[in-house]
Amino acid sequence: MAVRPTPAPIASKPLPWSKDVVAQVRAVAAALCASLAPLGLDDLAARFTARGPWKKRLPRLLDMLVALGHAHKQDDRCTNG
């Protein structure tokens, strides 16, 4: 059984989630870059705050970053590309 690394703790309080899609992609990429360990969706969501169904966008945003070569996905976790 492989041991998964623990994601880096959140350095400060969660950041506000932007309504702008480009800003969302940048924020997700920045969160991946800032983490020393791969992040799952819940780990990533904990770095942001907003109301409504914004968390439903995270998988698609991660897929975009992977497709562009700015992130790598392994199992259910992502790292900076």
PDB file of N, CA and C in Angstrom:
ATOM      1  N   MET A   1       0.840  -1.173   0.000  1.00  0.00           N
ATOM      2  CA  MET A   1       0.000   0.000   0.000  1.00  0.00           C
ATOM      3  C   MET A   1       0.886   1.238   0.000  1.00  0.00           C
ATOM      4  N   ALA A   2       0.679   2.110  -0.981  1.00  0.00           N
ATOM      5  CA  ALA A   2       1.489   3.313  -1.102  1.00  0.00           C
ATOM      6  C   ALA A   2       1.002   4.382  -0.128  1.00  0.00           C
ATOM      7  N   VAL A   3       1.944   5.115   0.405  1.00  0.00           N
ATOM      8  CA  VAL A   3       1.612   6.202   1.327  1.00  0.00           C
ATOM      9  C   VAL A   3       1.550   7.489   0.510  1.00  0.00           C
ATOM     10  N   ARG A   4       0.439   8.191   0.631  1.00  0.00           N
ATOM     11  CA  ARG A   4       0.296   9.457  -0.080  1.00  0.00           C
ATOM     12  C   ARG A   4       0.885  10.579   0.753  1.00  0.00           C
ATOM     13  N   PRO A   5       1.587  11.498   0.095  1.00  0.00           N
ATOM     14  CA  PRO A   5       2.110  12.632   0.851  1.00  0.00           C
ATOM     15  C   PRO A   5       0.972  13.520   1.343  1.00  0.00           C
ATOM     16  N   THR A   6       1.199  14.120   2.477  1.00  0.00           N
ATOM     17  CA  THR A   6       0.211  15.039   3.037  1.00  0.00           C
ATOM     18  C   THR A   6       0.341  16.380   2.335  1.00  0.00           C
ATOM     19  N   PRO A   7      -0.769  16.949   1.867  1.00  0.00           N
ATOM     20  CA  PRO A   7      -0.678  18.252   1.210  1.00  0.00           C
ATOM     21  C   PRO A   7      -0.154  19.314   2.167  1.00  0.00           C
ATOM     22  N   ALA A   8       0.505  20.283   1.589  1.00  0.00           N
ATOM     23  CA  ALA A   8       1.024  21.374   2.402  1.00  0.00           C
ATOM     24  C   ALA A   8      -0.132  22.099   3.079  1.00  0.00           C
ATOM     25  N   PRO A   9       0.043  22.490   4.325  1.00  0.00           N
ATOM     26  CA  PRO A   9      -1.025  23.229   4.997  1.00  0.00           C
ATOM     27  C   PRO A   9      -1.279  24.562   4.308  1.00  0.00           C
ATOM     28  N   ILE A  10      -2.457  25.059   4.475  1.00  0.00           N
ATOM     29  CA  ILE A  10      -2.819  26.334   3.898  1.00  0.00           C
ATOM     30  C   ILE A  10      -2.095  27.423   4.683  1.00  0.00           C
ATOM     31  N   ALA A  11      -1.310  28.234   3.972  1.00  0.00           N
ATOM     32  CA  ALA A  11      -0.468  29.230   4.635  1.00  0.00           C
ATOM     33  C   ALA A  11      -1.286  30.359   5.251  1.00  0.00           C
ATOM     34  N   SER A  12      -2.371  30.708   4.642  1.00  0.00           N
ATOM     35  CA  SER A  12      -3.192  31.790   5.156  1.00  0.00           C
ATOM     36  C   SER A  12      -4.656  31.404   4.992  1.00  0.00           C
ATOM     37  N   LYS A  13      -5.539  32.338   5.324  1.00  0.00           N
ATOM     38  CA  LYS A  13      -6.947  32.006   5.189  1.00  0.00           C
ATOM     39  C   LYS A  13      -7.293  31.827   3.702  1.00  0.00           C
ATOM     40  N   PRO A  14      -8.343  31.081   3.415  1.00  0.00           N
ATOM     41  CA  PRO A  14      -8.717  30.816   2.020  1.00  0.00           C
ATOM     42  C   PRO A  14      -8.951  32.116   1.238  1.00  0.00           C
ATOM     43  N   LEU A  15      -8.590  32.055  -0.033  1.00  0.00           N
ATOM     44  CA  LEU A  15      -8.747  33.196  -0.922  1.00  0.00           C
ATOM     45  C   LEU A  15     -10.156  33.227  -1.503  1.00  0.00           C
ATOM     46  N   PRO A  16     -10.654  34.405  -1.841  1.00  0.00           N
ATOM     47  CA  PRO A  16     -11.976  34.462  -2.469  1.00  0.00           C
ATOM     48  C   PRO A  16     -11.932  33.858  -3.874  1.00  0.00           C
ATOM     49  N   TRP A  17     -12.995  33.187  -4.248  1.00  0.00           N
ATOM     50  CA  TRP A  17     -13.114  32.562  -5.562  1.00  0.00           C
ATOM     51  C   TRP A  17     -13.649  33.606  -6.540  1.00  0.00           C
ATOM     52  N   SER A  18     -12.933  33.839  -7.598  1.00  0.00           N
ATOM     53  CA  SER A  18     -13.318  34.852  -8.577  1.00  0.00           C
ATOM     54  C   SER A  18     -14.490  34.375  -9.435  1.00  0.00           C
ATOM     55  N   LYS A  19     -15.266  35.304  -9.942  1.00  0.00           N
ATOM     56  CA  LYS A  19     -16.332  34.971 -10.875  1.00  0.00           C
ATOM     57  C   LYS A  19     -15.796  34.870 -12.299  1.00  0.00           C
ATOM     58  N   ASP A  20     -14.600  35.393 -12.535  1.00  0.00           N
ATOM     59  CA  ASP A  20     -13.968  35.377 -13.849  1.00  0.00           C
ATOM     60  C   ASP A  20     -13.258  34.046 -14.080  1.00  0.00           C
ATOM     61  N   VAL A  21     -13.568  33.375 -15.189  1.00  0.00           N
ATOM     62  CA  VAL A  21     -13.016  32.044 -15.459  1.00  0.00           C
ATOM     63  C   VAL A  21     -11.495  32.081 -15.599  1.00  0.00           C
ATOM     64  N   VAL A  22     -10.958  33.087 -16.266  1.00  0.00           N
ATOM     65  CA  VAL A  22      -9.508  33.182 -16.430  1.00  0.00           C
ATOM     66  C   VAL A  22      -8.838  33.338 -15.066  1.00  0.00           C
ATOM     67  N   ALA A  23      -9.398  34.144 -14.204  1.00  0.00           N
ATOM     68  CA  ALA A  23      -8.853  34.313 -12.853  1.00  0.00           C
ATOM     69  C   ALA A  23      -8.950  33.010 -12.059  1.00  0.00           C
ATOM     70  N   GLN A  24     -10.008  32.237 -12.288  1.00  0.00           N
ATOM     71  CA  GLN A  24     -10.150  30.947 -11.615  1.00  0.00           C
ATOM     72  C   GLN A  24      -9.038  29.990 -12.037  1.00  0.00           C
ATOM     73  N   VAL A  25      -8.762  29.935 -13.333  1.00  0.00           N
ATOM     74  CA  VAL A  25      -7.691  29.062 -13.838  1.00  0.00           C
ATOM     75  C   VAL A  25      -6.360  29.491 -13.243  1.00  0.00           C
ATOM     76  N   ARG A  26      -6.115  30.783 -13.219  1.00  0.00           N
ATOM     77  CA  ARG A  26      -4.855  31.284 -12.632  1.00  0.00           C
ATOM     78  C   ARG A  26      -4.752  30.947 -11.152  1.00  0.00           C
ATOM     79  N   ALA A  27      -5.849  31.080 -10.435  1.00  0.00           N
ATOM     80  CA  ALA A  27      -5.840  30.800  -8.998  1.00  0.00           C
ATOM     81  C   ALA A  27      -5.593  29.319  -8.720  1.00  0.00           C
ATOM     82  N   VAL A  28      -6.207  28.455  -9.502  1.00  0.00           N
ATOM     83  CA  VAL A  28      -6.000  27.010  -9.322  1.00  0.00           C
ATOM     84  C   VAL A  28      -4.553  26.660  -9.651  1.00  0.00           C
ATOM     85  N   ALA A  29      -4.027  27.207 -10.731  1.00  0.00           N
ATOM     86  CA  ALA A  29      -2.626  26.952 -11.091  1.00  0.00           C
ATOM     87  C   ALA A  29      -1.683  27.453 -10.001  1.00  0.00           C
ATOM     88  N   ALA A  30      -1.967  28.622  -9.446  1.00  0.00           N
ATOM     89  CA  ALA A  30      -1.125  29.171  -8.375  1.00  0.00           C
ATOM     90  C   ALA A  30      -1.182  28.298  -7.127  1.00  0.00           C
ATOM     91  N   ALA A  31      -2.362  27.772  -6.817  1.00  0.00           N
ATOM     92  CA  ALA A  31      -2.494  26.893  -5.642  1.00  0.00           C
ATOM     93  C   ALA A  31      -1.694  25.614  -5.837  1.00  0.00           C
ATOM     94  N   LEU A  32      -1.709  25.067  -7.048  1.00  0.00           N
ATOM     95  CA  LEU A  32      -0.916  23.864  -7.322  1.00  0.00           C
ATOM     96  C   LEU A  32       0.574  24.162  -7.219  1.00  0.00           C
ATOM     97  N   CYS A  33       0.986  25.322  -7.724  1.00  0.00           N
ATOM     98  CA  CYS A  33       2.405  25.710  -7.654  1.00  0.00           C
ATOM     99  C   CYS A  33       2.873  25.907  -6.215  1.00  0.00           C
ATOM    100  N   ALA A  34       1.991  26.431  -5.382  1.00  0.00           N
ATOM    101  CA  ALA A  34       2.359  26.736  -4.001  1.00  0.00           C
ATOM    102  C   ALA A  34       2.411  25.499  -3.106  1.00  0.00           C
ATOM    103  N   SER A  35       1.808  24.413  -3.553  1.00  0.00           N
ATOM    104  CA  SER A  35       1.754  23.209  -2.722  1.00  0.00           C
ATOM    105  C   SER A  35       2.992  22.349  -2.931  1.00  0.00           C
ATOM    106  N   LEU A  36       3.508  21.827  -1.841  1.00  0.00           N
ATOM    107  CA  LEU A  36       4.671  20.941  -1.904  1.00  0.00           C
ATOM    108  C   LEU A  36       4.274  19.501  -2.225  1.00  0.00           C
ATOM    109  N   ALA A  37       2.985  19.205  -2.128  1.00  0.00           N
ATOM    110  CA  ALA A  37       2.495  17.850  -2.363  1.00  0.00           C
ATOM    111  C   ALA A  37       1.311  17.907  -3.321  1.00  0.00           C
ATOM    112  N   PRO A  38       1.013  16.795  -3.986  1.00  0.00           N
ATOM    113  CA  PRO A  38      -0.155  16.759  -4.870  1.00  0.00           C
ATOM    114  C   PRO A  38      -1.438  17.072  -4.097  1.00  0.00           C
ATOM    115  N   LEU A  39      -2.378  17.721  -4.770  1.00  0.00           N
ATOM    116  CA  LEU A  39      -3.636  18.113  -4.150  1.00  0.00           C
ATOM    117  C   LEU A  39      -4.810  17.376  -4.768  1.00  0.00           C
ATOM    118  N   GLY A  40      -5.719  16.938  -3.922  1.00  0.00           N
ATOM    119  CA  GLY A  40      -6.993  16.402  -4.374  1.00  0.00           C
ATOM    120  C   GLY A  40      -7.993  17.543  -4.460  1.00  0.00           C
ATOM    121  N   LEU A  41      -9.174  17.246  -4.952  1.00  0.00           N
ATOM    122  CA  LEU A  41     -10.196  18.285  -5.093  1.00  0.00           C
ATOM    123  C   LEU A  41     -10.540  18.941  -3.762  1.00  0.00           C
ATOM    124  N   ASP A  42     -10.688  18.148  -2.714  1.00  0.00           N
ATOM    125  CA  ASP A  42     -11.018  18.721  -1.403  1.00  0.00           C
ATOM    126  C   ASP A  42      -9.893  19.601  -0.869  1.00  0.00           C
ATOM    127  N   ASP A  43      -8.647  19.162  -1.077  1.00  0.00           N
ATOM    128  CA  ASP A  43      -7.489  19.962  -0.651  1.00  0.00           C
ATOM    129  C   ASP A  43      -7.471  21.299  -1.381  1.00  0.00           C
ATOM    130  N   LEU A  44      -7.736  21.243  -2.667  1.00  0.00           N
ATOM    131  CA  LEU A  44      -7.738  22.448  -3.483  1.00  0.00           C
ATOM    132  C   LEU A  44      -8.891  23.368  -3.104  1.00  0.00           C
ATOM    133  N   ALA A  45     -10.059  22.811  -2.919  1.00  0.00           N
ATOM    134  CA  ALA A  45     -11.235  23.606  -2.551  1.00  0.00           C
ATOM    135  C   ALA A  45     -11.034  24.313  -1.212  1.00  0.00           C
ATOM    136  N   ALA A  46     -10.270  23.713  -0.316  1.00  0.00           N
ATOM    137  CA  ALA A  46     -10.036  24.314   1.000  1.00  0.00           C
ATOM    138  C   ALA A  46      -9.216  25.599   0.908  1.00  0.00           C
ATOM    139  N   ARG A  47      -8.585  25.828  -0.223  1.00  0.00           N
ATOM    140  CA  ARG A  47      -7.767  27.024  -0.406  1.00  0.00           C
ATOM    141  C   ARG A  47      -8.563  28.231  -0.888  1.00  0.00           C
ATOM    142  N   PHE A  48      -9.863  28.025  -1.137  1.00  0.00           N
ATOM    143  CA  PHE A  48     -10.713  29.094  -1.647  1.00  0.00           C
ATOM    144  C   PHE A  48     -12.018  29.155  -0.866  1.00  0.00           C
ATOM    145  N   THR A  49     -12.670  30.295  -0.959  1.00  0.00           N
ATOM    146  CA  THR A  49     -13.949  30.465  -0.292  1.00  0.00           C
ATOM    147  C   THR A  49     -14.917  31.178  -1.225  1.00  0.00           C
ATOM    148  N   ALA A  50     -16.146  30.696  -1.231  1.00  0.00           N
ATOM    149  CA  ALA A  50     -17.213  31.316  -2.022  1.00  0.00           C
ATOM    150  C   ALA A  50     -18.518  30.620  -1.667  1.00  0.00           C
ATOM    151  N   ARG A  51     -19.595  31.204  -2.114  1.00  0.00           N
ATOM    152  CA  ARG A  51     -20.909  30.591  -1.931  1.00  0.00           C
ATOM    153  C   ARG A  51     -21.371  30.014  -3.256  1.00  0.00           C
ATOM    154  N   GLY A  52     -22.273  29.078  -3.174  1.00  0.00           N
ATOM    155  CA  GLY A  52     -22.834  28.502  -4.390  1.00  0.00           C
ATOM    156  C   GLY A  52     -22.065  27.273  -4.840  1.00  0.00           C
ATOM    157  N   PRO A  53     -22.361  26.805  -6.037  1.00  0.00           N
ATOM    158  CA  PRO A  53     -21.802  25.540  -6.539  1.00  0.00           C
ATOM    159  C   PRO A  53     -20.444  25.690  -7.234  1.00  0.00           C
ATOM    160  N   TRP A  54     -19.613  26.606  -6.787  1.00  0.00           N
ATOM    161  CA  TRP A  54     -18.341  26.860  -7.451  1.00  0.00           C
ATOM    162  C   TRP A  54     -17.414  25.651  -7.473  1.00  0.00           C
ATOM    163  N   LYS A  55     -17.514  24.778  -6.492  1.00  0.00           N
ATOM    164  CA  LYS A  55     -16.617  23.612  -6.415  1.00  0.00           C
ATOM    165  C   LYS A  55     -16.831  22.648  -7.573  1.00  0.00           C
ATOM    166  N   LYS A  56     -18.012  22.701  -8.184  1.00  0.00           N
ATOM    167  CA  LYS A  56     -18.296  21.828  -9.327  1.00  0.00           C
ATOM    168  C   LYS A  56     -17.410  22.163 -10.523  1.00  0.00           C
ATOM    169  N   ARG A  57     -16.847  23.370 -10.556  1.00  0.00           N
ATOM    170  CA  ARG A  57     -15.987  23.790 -11.668  1.00  0.00           C
ATOM    171  C   ARG A  57     -14.560  23.263 -11.543  1.00  0.00           C
ATOM    172  N   LEU A  58     -14.142  22.902 -10.336  1.00  0.00           N
ATOM    173  CA  LEU A  58     -12.747  22.510 -10.123  1.00  0.00           C
ATOM    174  C   LEU A  58     -12.283  21.359 -11.021  1.00  0.00           C
ATOM    175  N   PRO A  59     -13.037  20.266 -11.160  1.00  0.00           N
ATOM    176  CA  PRO A  59     -12.546  19.185 -12.028  1.00  0.00           C
ATOM    177  C   PRO A  59     -12.292  19.646 -13.469  1.00  0.00           C
ATOM    178  N   ARG A  60     -13.180  20.477 -13.980  1.00  0.00           N
ATOM    179  CA  ARG A  60     -13.002  20.956 -15.362  1.00  0.00           C
ATOM    180  C   ARG A  60     -11.801  21.895 -15.469  1.00  0.00           C
ATOM    181  N   LEU A  61     -11.617  22.754 -14.487  1.00  0.00           N
ATOM    182  CA  LEU A  61     -10.465  23.650 -14.496  1.00  0.00           C
ATOM    183  C   LEU A  61      -9.159  22.857 -14.418  1.00  0.00           C
ATOM    184  N   LEU A  62      -9.145  21.822 -13.595  1.00  0.00           N
ATOM    185  CA  LEU A  62      -7.953  20.969 -13.510  1.00  0.00           C
ATOM    186  C   LEU A  62      -7.705  20.252 -14.826  1.00  0.00           C
ATOM    187  N   ASP A  63      -8.769  19.770 -15.460  1.00  0.00           N
ATOM    188  CA  ASP A  63      -8.626  19.115 -16.764  1.00  0.00           C
ATOM    189  C   ASP A  63      -8.038  20.072 -17.796  1.00  0.00           C
ATOM    190  N   MET A  64      -8.451  21.346 -17.758  1.00  0.00           N
ATOM    191  CA  MET A  64      -7.892  22.351 -18.672  1.00  0.00           C
ATOM    192  C   MET A  64      -6.400  22.521 -18.439  1.00  0.00           C
ATOM    193  N   LEU A  65      -6.013  22.630 -17.171  1.00  0.00           N
ATOM    194  CA  LEU A  65      -4.601  22.804 -16.846  1.00  0.00           C
ATOM    195  C   LEU A  65      -3.781  21.600 -17.268  1.00  0.00           C
ATOM    196  N   VAL A  66      -4.328  20.399 -17.105  1.00  0.00           N
ATOM    197  CA  VAL A  66      -3.641  19.177 -17.535  1.00  0.00           C
ATOM    198  C   VAL A  66      -3.495  19.181 -19.054  1.00  0.00           C
ATOM    199  N   ALA A  67      -4.574  19.515 -19.770  1.00  0.00           N
ATOM    200  CA  ALA A  67      -4.543  19.531 -21.233  1.00  0.00           C
ATOM    201  C   ALA A  67      -3.525  20.531 -21.766  1.00  0.00           C
ATOM    202  N   LEU A  68      -3.335  21.625 -21.058  1.00  0.00           N
ATOM    203  CA  LEU A  68      -2.380  22.646 -21.476  1.00  0.00           C
ATOM    204  C   LEU A  68      -0.953  22.365 -20.995  1.00  0.00           C
ATOM    205  N   GLY A  69      -0.780  21.304 -20.215  1.00  0.00           N
ATOM    206  CA  GLY A  69       0.540  20.945 -19.717  1.00  0.00           C
ATOM    207  C   GLY A  69       0.976  21.714 -18.492  1.00  0.00           C
ATOM    208  N   HIS A  70       0.043  22.386 -17.827  1.00  0.00           N
ATOM    209  CA  HIS A  70       0.373  23.170 -16.637  1.00  0.00           C
ATOM    210  C   HIS A  70       0.096  22.415 -15.347  1.00  0.00           C
ATOM    211  N   ALA A  71      -0.400  21.197 -15.457  1.00  0.00           N
ATOM    212  CA  ALA A  71      -0.653  20.353 -14.286  1.00  0.00           C
ATOM    213  C   ALA A  71      -0.560  18.896 -14.728  1.00  0.00           C
ATOM    214  N   HIS A  72      -0.302  18.033 -13.768  1.00  0.00           N
ATOM    215  CA  HIS A  72      -0.265  16.592 -14.007  1.00  0.00           C
ATOM    216  C   HIS A  72      -1.235  15.930 -13.048  1.00  0.00           C
ATOM    217  N   LYS A  73      -1.969  14.956 -13.558  1.00  0.00           N
ATOM    218  CA  LYS A  73      -2.945  14.252 -12.731  1.00  0.00           C
ATOM    219  C   LYS A  73      -2.485  12.817 -12.557  1.00  0.00           C
ATOM    220  N   GLN A  74      -2.487  12.371 -11.316  1.00  0.00           N
ATOM    221  CA  GLN A  74      -2.178  10.981 -11.000  1.00  0.00           C
ATOM    222  C   GLN A  74      -3.189  10.520  -9.971  1.00  0.00           C
ATOM    223  N   ASP A  75      -3.909   9.484 -10.312  1.00  0.00           N
ATOM    224  CA  ASP A  75      -5.003   8.998  -9.490  1.00  0.00           C
ATOM    225  C   ASP A  75      -6.008  10.152  -9.325  1.00  0.00           C
ATOM    226  N   ASP A  76      -6.282  10.550  -8.130  1.00  0.00           N
ATOM    227  CA  ASP A  76      -7.250  11.630  -7.899  1.00  0.00           C
ATOM    228  C   ASP A  76      -6.566  12.894  -7.370  1.00  0.00           C
ATOM    229  N   ARG A  77      -5.277  13.037  -7.650  1.00  0.00           N
ATOM    230  CA  ARG A  77      -4.523  14.178  -7.141  1.00  0.00           C
ATOM    231  C   ARG A  77      -3.805  14.870  -8.286  1.00  0.00           C
ATOM    232  N   CYS A  78      -3.563  16.168  -8.133  1.00  0.00           N
ATOM    233  CA  CYS A  78      -2.890  16.960  -9.166  1.00  0.00           C
ATOM    234  C   CYS A  78      -1.678  17.664  -8.601  1.00  0.00           C
ATOM    235  N   THR A  79      -0.711  17.870  -9.482  1.00  0.00           N
ATOM    236  CA  THR A  79       0.489  18.624  -9.139  1.00  0.00           C
ATOM    237  C   THR A  79       0.728  19.670 -10.226  1.00  0.00           C
ATOM    238  N   ASN A  80       1.603  20.578  -9.921  1.00  0.00           N
ATOM    239  CA  ASN A  80       2.002  21.606 -10.878  1.00  0.00           C
ATOM    240  C   ASN A  80       2.685  20.937 -12.068  1.00  0.00           C
ATOM    241  N   GLY A  81       2.449  21.458 -13.253  1.00  0.00           N
ATOM    242  CA  GLY A  81       3.001  20.902 -14.483  1.00  0.00           C
ATOM    243  C   GLY A  81       4.420  21.274 -14.667  1.00  0.00           C
TER     244      GLY A  81
END
